[in-house]
Amino acid sequence: MNQSVIMALSLLNFFIAGETDLTFSEVAERAKLPKPTVFRLLSSLEYMDFLSKSKQSDYDVRIGLFIRVPVTT
């Protein structure tokens, strides 16, 4: 199993479980992971459009809508 994928999906679960807005510090505290690790994982989730930052604060994170439409030929 890939531990990075497991950790990233665990962070995503915080948002899916009902908390739609969490600060960077709240995520790090709940995950009990080092802040640099949390930053890297959240950045990856944001890059892939699973999460997006709000405009009010650099570290507020909101669950994003992620839909992939299959391409048919």
PDB file of N, CA and C in Angstrom:
ATOM      1  N   MET A   1       0.830  -1.185   0.000  1.00  0.00           N
ATOM      2  CA  MET A   1       0.000   0.000   0.000  1.00  0.00           C
ATOM      3  C   MET A   1       0.874   1.248   0.000  1.00  0.00           C
ATOM      4  N   ASN A   2       0.419   2.274  -0.679  1.00  0.00           N
ATOM      5  CA  ASN A   2       1.152   3.527  -0.749  1.00  0.00           C
ATOM      6  C   ASN A   2       0.708   4.439   0.396  1.00  0.00           C
ATOM      7  N   GLN A   3       1.613   4.697   1.327  1.00  0.00           N
ATOM      8  CA  GLN A   3       1.285   5.477   2.519  1.00  0.00           C
ATOM      9  C   GLN A   3       0.900   6.915   2.197  1.00  0.00           C
ATOM     10  N   SER A   4       1.504   7.506   1.181  1.00  0.00           N
ATOM     11  CA  SER A   4       1.154   8.884   0.815  1.00  0.00           C
ATOM     12  C   SER A   4      -0.288   8.979   0.337  1.00  0.00           C
ATOM     13  N   VAL A   5      -0.711   8.014  -0.439  1.00  0.00           N
ATOM     14  CA  VAL A   5      -2.098   8.009  -0.925  1.00  0.00           C
ATOM     15  C   VAL A   5      -3.049   7.827   0.248  1.00  0.00           C
ATOM     16  N   ILE A   6      -2.721   6.920   1.139  1.00  0.00           N
ATOM     17  CA  ILE A   6      -3.557   6.671   2.322  1.00  0.00           C
ATOM     18  C   ILE A   6      -3.656   7.927   3.172  1.00  0.00           C
ATOM     19  N   MET A   7      -2.533   8.612   3.407  1.00  0.00           N
ATOM     20  CA  MET A   7      -2.560   9.841   4.217  1.00  0.00           C
ATOM     21  C   MET A   7      -3.377  10.932   3.533  1.00  0.00           C
ATOM     22  N   ALA A   8      -3.214  11.099   2.212  1.00  0.00           N
ATOM     23  CA  ALA A   8      -3.962  12.132   1.490  1.00  0.00           C
ATOM     24  C   ALA A   8      -5.461  11.862   1.552  1.00  0.00           C
ATOM     25  N   LEU A   9      -5.852  10.623   1.369  1.00  0.00           N
ATOM     26  CA  LEU A   9      -7.276  10.289   1.435  1.00  0.00           C
ATOM     27  C   LEU A   9      -7.816  10.421   2.853  1.00  0.00           C
ATOM     28  N   SER A  10      -6.977  10.179   3.834  1.00  0.00           N
ATOM     29  CA  SER A  10      -7.390  10.393   5.225  1.00  0.00           C
ATOM     30  C   SER A  10      -7.679  11.869   5.472  1.00  0.00           C
ATOM     31  N   LEU A  11      -6.848  12.752   4.925  1.00  0.00           N
ATOM     32  CA  LEU A  11      -7.101  14.188   5.057  1.00  0.00           C
ATOM     33  C   LEU A  11      -8.396  14.560   4.348  1.00  0.00           C
ATOM     34  N   LEU A  12      -8.623  14.000   3.187  1.00  0.00           N
ATOM     35  CA  LEU A  12      -9.843  14.286   2.439  1.00  0.00           C
ATOM     36  C   LEU A  12     -11.077  13.850   3.233  1.00  0.00           C
ATOM     37  N   ASN A  13     -10.962  12.763   3.973  1.00  0.00           N
ATOM     38  CA  ASN A  13     -12.075  12.280   4.787  1.00  0.00           C
ATOM     39  C   ASN A  13     -12.503  13.291   5.844  1.00  0.00           C
ATOM     40  N   PHE A  14     -11.590  14.121   6.339  1.00  0.00           N
ATOM     41  CA  PHE A  14     -11.975  15.151   7.314  1.00  0.00           C
ATOM     42  C   PHE A  14     -13.032  16.071   6.722  1.00  0.00           C
ATOM     43  N   PHE A  15     -12.908  16.389   5.445  1.00  0.00           N
ATOM     44  CA  PHE A  15     -13.836  17.294   4.776  1.00  0.00           C
ATOM     45  C   PHE A  15     -15.127  16.577   4.398  1.00  0.00           C
ATOM     46  N   ILE A  16     -15.021  15.339   3.977  1.00  0.00           N
ATOM     47  CA  ILE A  16     -16.191  14.563   3.573  1.00  0.00           C
ATOM     48  C   ILE A  16     -17.052  14.224   4.784  1.00  0.00           C
ATOM     49  N   ALA A  17     -16.435  14.071   5.945  1.00  0.00           N
ATOM     50  CA  ALA A  17     -17.141  13.669   7.167  1.00  0.00           C
ATOM     51  C   ALA A  17     -18.020  14.779   7.739  1.00  0.00           C
ATOM     52  N   GLY A  18     -18.137  15.911   7.073  1.00  0.00           N
ATOM     53  CA  GLY A  18     -19.053  16.941   7.522  1.00  0.00           C
ATOM     54  C   GLY A  18     -18.423  18.298   7.740  1.00  0.00           C
ATOM     55  N   GLU A  19     -17.119  18.362   7.906  1.00  0.00           N
ATOM     56  CA  GLU A  19     -16.424  19.639   8.059  1.00  0.00           C
ATOM     57  C   GLU A  19     -16.081  20.154   6.668  1.00  0.00           C
ATOM     58  N   THR A  20     -16.799  21.163   6.205  1.00  0.00           N
ATOM     59  CA  THR A  20     -16.521  21.652   4.854  1.00  0.00           C
ATOM     60  C   THR A  20     -15.417  22.696   4.825  1.00  0.00           C
ATOM     61  N   ASP A  21     -15.181  23.376   5.930  1.00  0.00           N
ATOM     62  CA  ASP A  21     -14.108  24.376   6.005  1.00  0.00           C
ATOM     63  C   ASP A  21     -13.208  24.051   7.182  1.00  0.00           C
ATOM     64  N   LEU A  22     -11.964  23.824   6.909  1.00  0.00           N
ATOM     65  CA  LEU A  22     -10.971  23.597   7.957  1.00  0.00           C
ATOM     66  C   LEU A  22      -9.733  24.405   7.632  1.00  0.00           C
ATOM     67  N   THR A  23      -9.097  24.938   8.646  1.00  0.00           N
ATOM     68  CA  THR A  23      -7.843  25.648   8.415  1.00  0.00           C
ATOM     69  C   THR A  23      -6.708  24.639   8.303  1.00  0.00           C
ATOM     70  N   PHE A  24      -5.627  25.090   7.777  1.00  0.00           N
ATOM     71  CA  PHE A  24      -4.432  24.255   7.661  1.00  0.00           C
ATOM     72  C   PHE A  24      -4.045  23.694   9.029  1.00  0.00           C
ATOM     73  N   SER A  25      -4.037  24.541  10.050  1.00  0.00           N
ATOM     74  CA  SER A  25      -3.656  24.103  11.398  1.00  0.00           C
ATOM     75  C   SER A  25      -4.619  23.066  11.955  1.00  0.00           C
ATOM     76  N   GLU A  26      -5.919  23.239  11.698  1.00  0.00           N
ATOM     77  CA  GLU A  26      -6.906  22.255  12.156  1.00  0.00           C
ATOM     78  C   GLU A  26      -6.676  20.897  11.505  1.00  0.00           C
ATOM     79  N   VAL A  27      -6.375  20.906  10.227  1.00  0.00           N
ATOM     80  CA  VAL A  27      -6.115  19.647   9.525  1.00  0.00           C
ATOM     81  C   VAL A  27      -4.871  18.979  10.097  1.00  0.00           C
ATOM     82  N   ALA A  28      -3.804  19.743  10.281  1.00  0.00           N
ATOM     83  CA  ALA A  28      -2.561  19.187  10.816  1.00  0.00           C
ATOM     84  C   ALA A  28      -2.774  18.610  12.214  1.00  0.00           C
ATOM     85  N   GLU A  29      -3.532  19.322  13.040  1.00  0.00           N
ATOM     86  CA  GLU A  29      -3.795  18.852  14.406  1.00  0.00           C
ATOM     87  C   GLU A  29      -4.605  17.562  14.396  1.00  0.00           C
ATOM     88  N   ARG A  30      -5.643  17.502  13.590  1.00  0.00           N
ATOM     89  CA  ARG A  30      -6.483  16.300  13.525  1.00  0.00           C
ATOM     90  C   ARG A  30      -5.731  15.113  12.953  1.00  0.00           C
ATOM     91  N   ALA A  31      -4.886  15.379  11.978  1.00  0.00           N
ATOM     92  CA  ALA A  31      -4.146  14.298  11.324  1.00  0.00           C
ATOM     93  C   ALA A  31      -2.989  13.786  12.170  1.00  0.00           C
ATOM     94  N   LYS A  32      -2.545  14.615  13.108  1.00  0.00           N
ATOM     95  CA  LYS A  32      -1.380  14.264  13.939  1.00  0.00           C
ATOM     96  C   LYS A  32      -0.169  13.944  13.059  1.00  0.00           C
ATOM     97  N   LEU A  33      -0.005  14.796  12.037  1.00  0.00           N
ATOM     98  CA  LEU A  33       1.122  14.676  11.124  1.00  0.00           C
ATOM     99  C   LEU A  33       1.913  15.974  11.153  1.00  0.00           C
ATOM    100  N   PRO A  34       3.192  15.923  10.790  1.00  0.00           N
ATOM    101  CA  PRO A  34       3.983  17.152  10.715  1.00  0.00           C
ATOM    102  C   PRO A  34       3.384  18.127   9.694  1.00  0.00           C
ATOM    103  N   LYS A  35       3.463  19.412  10.000  1.00  0.00           N
ATOM    104  CA  LYS A  35       2.895  20.425   9.114  1.00  0.00           C
ATOM    105  C   LYS A  35       3.457  20.374   7.686  1.00  0.00           C
ATOM    106  N   PRO A  36       4.763  20.132   7.505  1.00  0.00           N
ATOM    107  CA  PRO A  36       5.257  20.043   6.120  1.00  0.00           C
ATOM    108  C   PRO A  36       4.602  18.899   5.333  1.00  0.00           C
ATOM    109  N   THR A  37       4.337  17.785   6.005  1.00  0.00           N
ATOM    110  CA  THR A  37       3.673  16.658   5.355  1.00  0.00           C
ATOM    111  C   THR A  37       2.250  17.024   4.981  1.00  0.00           C
ATOM    112  N   VAL A  38       1.536  17.660   5.904  1.00  0.00           N
ATOM    113  CA  VAL A  38       0.156  18.074   5.652  1.00  0.00           C
ATOM    114  C   VAL A  38       0.114  19.077   4.507  1.00  0.00           C
ATOM    115  N   PHE A  39       1.050  20.023   4.493  1.00  0.00           N
ATOM    116  CA  PHE A  39       1.102  21.005   3.417  1.00  0.00           C
ATOM    117  C   PHE A  39       1.284  20.322   2.067  1.00  0.00           C
ATOM    118  N   ARG A  40       2.203  19.375   1.997  1.00  0.00           N
ATOM    119  CA  ARG A  40       2.470  18.660   0.744  1.00  0.00           C
ATOM    120  C   ARG A  40       1.229  17.890   0.288  1.00  0.00           C
ATOM    121  N   LEU A  41       0.560  17.211   1.221  1.00  0.00           N
ATOM    122  CA  LEU A  41      -0.618  16.423   0.867  1.00  0.00           C
ATOM    123  C   LEU A  41      -1.784  17.314   0.435  1.00  0.00           C
ATOM    124  N   LEU A  42      -2.023  18.402   1.180  1.00  0.00           N
ATOM    125  CA  LEU A  42      -3.104  19.319   0.813  1.00  0.00           C
ATOM    126  C   LEU A  42      -2.823  19.983  -0.532  1.00  0.00           C
ATOM    127  N   SER A  43      -1.568  20.315  -0.775  1.00  0.00           N
ATOM    128  CA  SER A  43      -1.197  20.917  -2.070  1.00  0.00           C
ATOM    129  C   SER A  43      -1.478  19.957  -3.213  1.00  0.00           C
ATOM    130  N   SER A  44      -1.192  18.682  -3.001  1.00  0.00           N
ATOM    131  CA  SER A  44      -1.458  17.673  -4.030  1.00  0.00           C
ATOM    132  C   SER A  44      -2.955  17.512  -4.265  1.00  0.00           C
ATOM    133  N   LEU A  45      -3.736  17.492  -3.185  1.00  0.00           N
ATOM    134  CA  LEU A  45      -5.188  17.379  -3.315  1.00  0.00           C
ATOM    135  C   LEU A  45      -5.775  18.602  -4.018  1.00  0.00           C
ATOM    136  N   GLU A  46      -5.211  19.762  -3.726  1.00  0.00           N
ATOM    137  CA  GLU A  46      -5.662  20.987  -4.391  1.00  0.00           C
ATOM    138  C   GLU A  46      -5.289  20.966  -5.875  1.00  0.00           C
ATOM    139  N   TYR A  47      -4.088  20.534  -6.182  1.00  0.00           N
ATOM    140  CA  TYR A  47      -3.625  20.451  -7.561  1.00  0.00           C
ATOM    141  C   TYR A  47      -4.541  19.561  -8.405  1.00  0.00           C
ATOM    142  N   MET A  48      -5.038  18.485  -7.786  1.00  0.00           N
ATOM    143  CA  MET A  48      -5.907  17.546  -8.483  1.00  0.00           C
ATOM    144  C   MET A  48      -7.390  17.923  -8.380  1.00  0.00           C
ATOM    145  N   ASP A  49      -7.676  19.124  -7.858  1.00  0.00           N
ATOM    146  CA  ASP A  49      -9.045  19.661  -7.746  1.00  0.00           C
ATOM    147  C   ASP A  49      -9.941  18.909  -6.776  1.00  0.00           C
ATOM    148  N   PHE A  50      -9.358  18.200  -5.819  1.00  0.00           N
ATOM    149  CA  PHE A  50     -10.150  17.584  -4.767  1.00  0.00           C
ATOM    150  C   PHE A  50     -10.479  18.603  -3.680  1.00  0.00           C
ATOM    151  N   LEU A  51      -9.621  19.590  -3.496  1.00  0.00           N
ATOM    152  CA  LEU A  51      -9.817  20.652  -2.518  1.00  0.00           C
ATOM    153  C   LEU A  51      -9.502  21.985  -3.171  1.00  0.00           C
ATOM    154  N   SER A  52     -10.058  23.050  -2.599  1.00  0.00           N
ATOM    155  CA  SER A  52      -9.690  24.393  -3.057  1.00  0.00           C
ATOM    156  C   SER A  52      -9.632  25.334  -1.868  1.00  0.00           C
ATOM    157  N   LYS A  53      -8.728  26.287  -1.935  1.00  0.00           N
ATOM    158  CA  LYS A  53      -8.599  27.274  -0.861  1.00  0.00           C
ATOM    159  C   LYS A  53      -9.645  28.355  -1.038  1.00  0.00           C
ATOM    160  N   SER A  54     -10.155  28.849   0.096  1.00  0.00           N
ATOM    161  CA  SER A  54     -11.093  29.970   0.019  1.00  0.00           C
ATOM    162  C   SER A  54     -10.308  31.266  -0.131  1.00  0.00           C
ATOM    163  N   LYS A  55     -10.988  32.316  -0.501  1.00  0.00           N
ATOM    164  CA  LYS A  55     -10.332  33.607  -0.683  1.00  0.00           C
ATOM    165  C   LYS A  55     -10.142  34.349   0.640  1.00  0.00           C
ATOM    166  N   GLN A  56     -10.858  33.941   1.708  1.00  0.00           N
ATOM    167  CA  GLN A  56     -10.775  34.652   2.981  1.00  0.00           C
ATOM    168  C   GLN A  56      -9.439  34.440   3.694  1.00  0.00           C
ATOM    169  N   SER A  57      -8.857  33.295   3.523  1.00  0.00           N
ATOM    170  CA  SER A  57      -7.599  32.993   4.208  1.00  0.00           C
ATOM    171  C   SER A  57      -6.786  32.055   3.332  1.00  0.00           C
ATOM    172  N   ASP A  58      -5.491  32.181   3.407  1.00  0.00           N
ATOM    173  CA  ASP A  58      -4.640  31.314   2.601  1.00  0.00           C
ATOM    174  C   ASP A  58      -4.771  29.845   2.976  1.00  0.00           C
ATOM    175  N   TYR A  59      -5.215  29.569   4.187  1.00  0.00           N
ATOM    176  CA  TYR A  59      -5.207  28.189   4.657  1.00  0.00           C
ATOM    177  C   TYR A  59      -6.580  27.590   4.885  1.00  0.00           C
ATOM    178  N   ASP A  60      -7.658  28.291   4.560  1.00  0.00           N
ATOM    179  CA  ASP A  60      -8.975  27.663   4.619  1.00  0.00           C
ATOM    180  C   ASP A  60      -9.105  26.749   3.412  1.00  0.00           C
ATOM    181  N   VAL A  61      -9.583  25.574   3.650  1.00  0.00           N
ATOM    182  CA  VAL A  61      -9.678  24.603   2.576  1.00  0.00           C
ATOM    183  C   VAL A  61     -11.124  24.138   2.468  1.00  0.00           C
ATOM    184  N   ARG A  62     -11.626  24.093   1.265  1.00  0.00           N
ATOM    185  CA  ARG A  62     -12.999  23.657   1.020  1.00  0.00           C
ATOM    186  C   ARG A  62     -13.005  22.476   0.072  1.00  0.00           C
ATOM    187  N   ILE A  63     -13.906  21.558   0.321  1.00  0.00           N
ATOM    188  CA  ILE A  63     -14.018  20.418  -0.590  1.00  0.00           C
ATOM    189  C   ILE A  63     -14.457  20.934  -1.953  1.00  0.00           C
ATOM    190  N   GLY A  64     -13.821  20.448  -2.985  1.00  0.00           N
ATOM    191  CA  GLY A  64     -14.177  20.849  -4.337  1.00  0.00           C
ATOM    192  C   GLY A  64     -15.005  19.772  -5.015  1.00  0.00           C
ATOM    193  N   LEU A  65     -15.661  20.153  -6.061  1.00  0.00           N
ATOM    194  CA  LEU A  65     -16.424  19.200  -6.843  1.00  0.00           C
ATOM    195  C   LEU A  65     -15.483  18.582  -7.860  1.00  0.00           C
ATOM    196  N   PHE A  66     -15.376  17.280  -7.829  1.00  0.00           N
ATOM    197  CA  PHE A  66     -14.449  16.599  -8.714  1.00  0.00           C
ATOM    198  C   PHE A  66     -15.229  15.597  -9.561  1.00  0.00           C
ATOM    199  N   ILE A  67     -15.390  15.917 -10.826  1.00  0.00           N
ATOM    200  CA  ILE A  67     -16.120  15.023 -11.727  1.00  0.00           C
ATOM    201  C   ILE A  67     -15.267  14.808 -12.980  1.00  0.00           C
ATOM    202  N   ARG A  68     -15.074  13.573 -13.311  1.00  0.00           N
ATOM    203  CA  ARG A  68     -14.392  13.239 -14.553  1.00  0.00           C
ATOM    204  C   ARG A  68     -15.427  12.662 -15.505  1.00  0.00           C
ATOM    205  N   VAL A  69     -15.499  13.242 -16.664  1.00  0.00           N
ATOM    206  CA  VAL A  69     -16.428  12.751 -17.672  1.00  0.00           C
ATOM    207  C   VAL A  69     -15.661  11.844 -18.608  1.00  0.00           C
ATOM    208  N   PRO A  70     -16.121  10.601 -18.767  1.00  0.00           N
ATOM    209  CA  PRO A  70     -15.397   9.701 -19.669  1.00  0.00           C
ATOM    210  C   PRO A  70     -15.470  10.182 -21.115  1.00  0.00           C
ATOM    211  N   VAL A  71     -14.395  10.055 -21.805  1.00  0.00           N
ATOM    212  CA  VAL A  71     -14.333  10.454 -23.210  1.00  0.00           C
ATOM    213  C   VAL A  71     -14.610   9.228 -24.056  1.00  0.00           C
ATOM    214  N   THR A  72     -15.593   9.345 -24.929  1.00  0.00           N
ATOM    215  CA  THR A  72     -15.891   8.225 -25.835  1.00  0.00           C
ATOM    216  C   THR A  72     -15.542   8.626 -27.252  1.00  0.00           C
ATOM    217  N   THR A  73     -15.098   7.674 -28.003  1.00  0.00           N
ATOM    218  CA  THR A  73     -14.747   7.969 -29.389  1.00  0.00           C
ATOM    219  C   THR A  73     -15.637   7.230 -30.337  1.00  0.00           C
TER     220      THR A  73
END
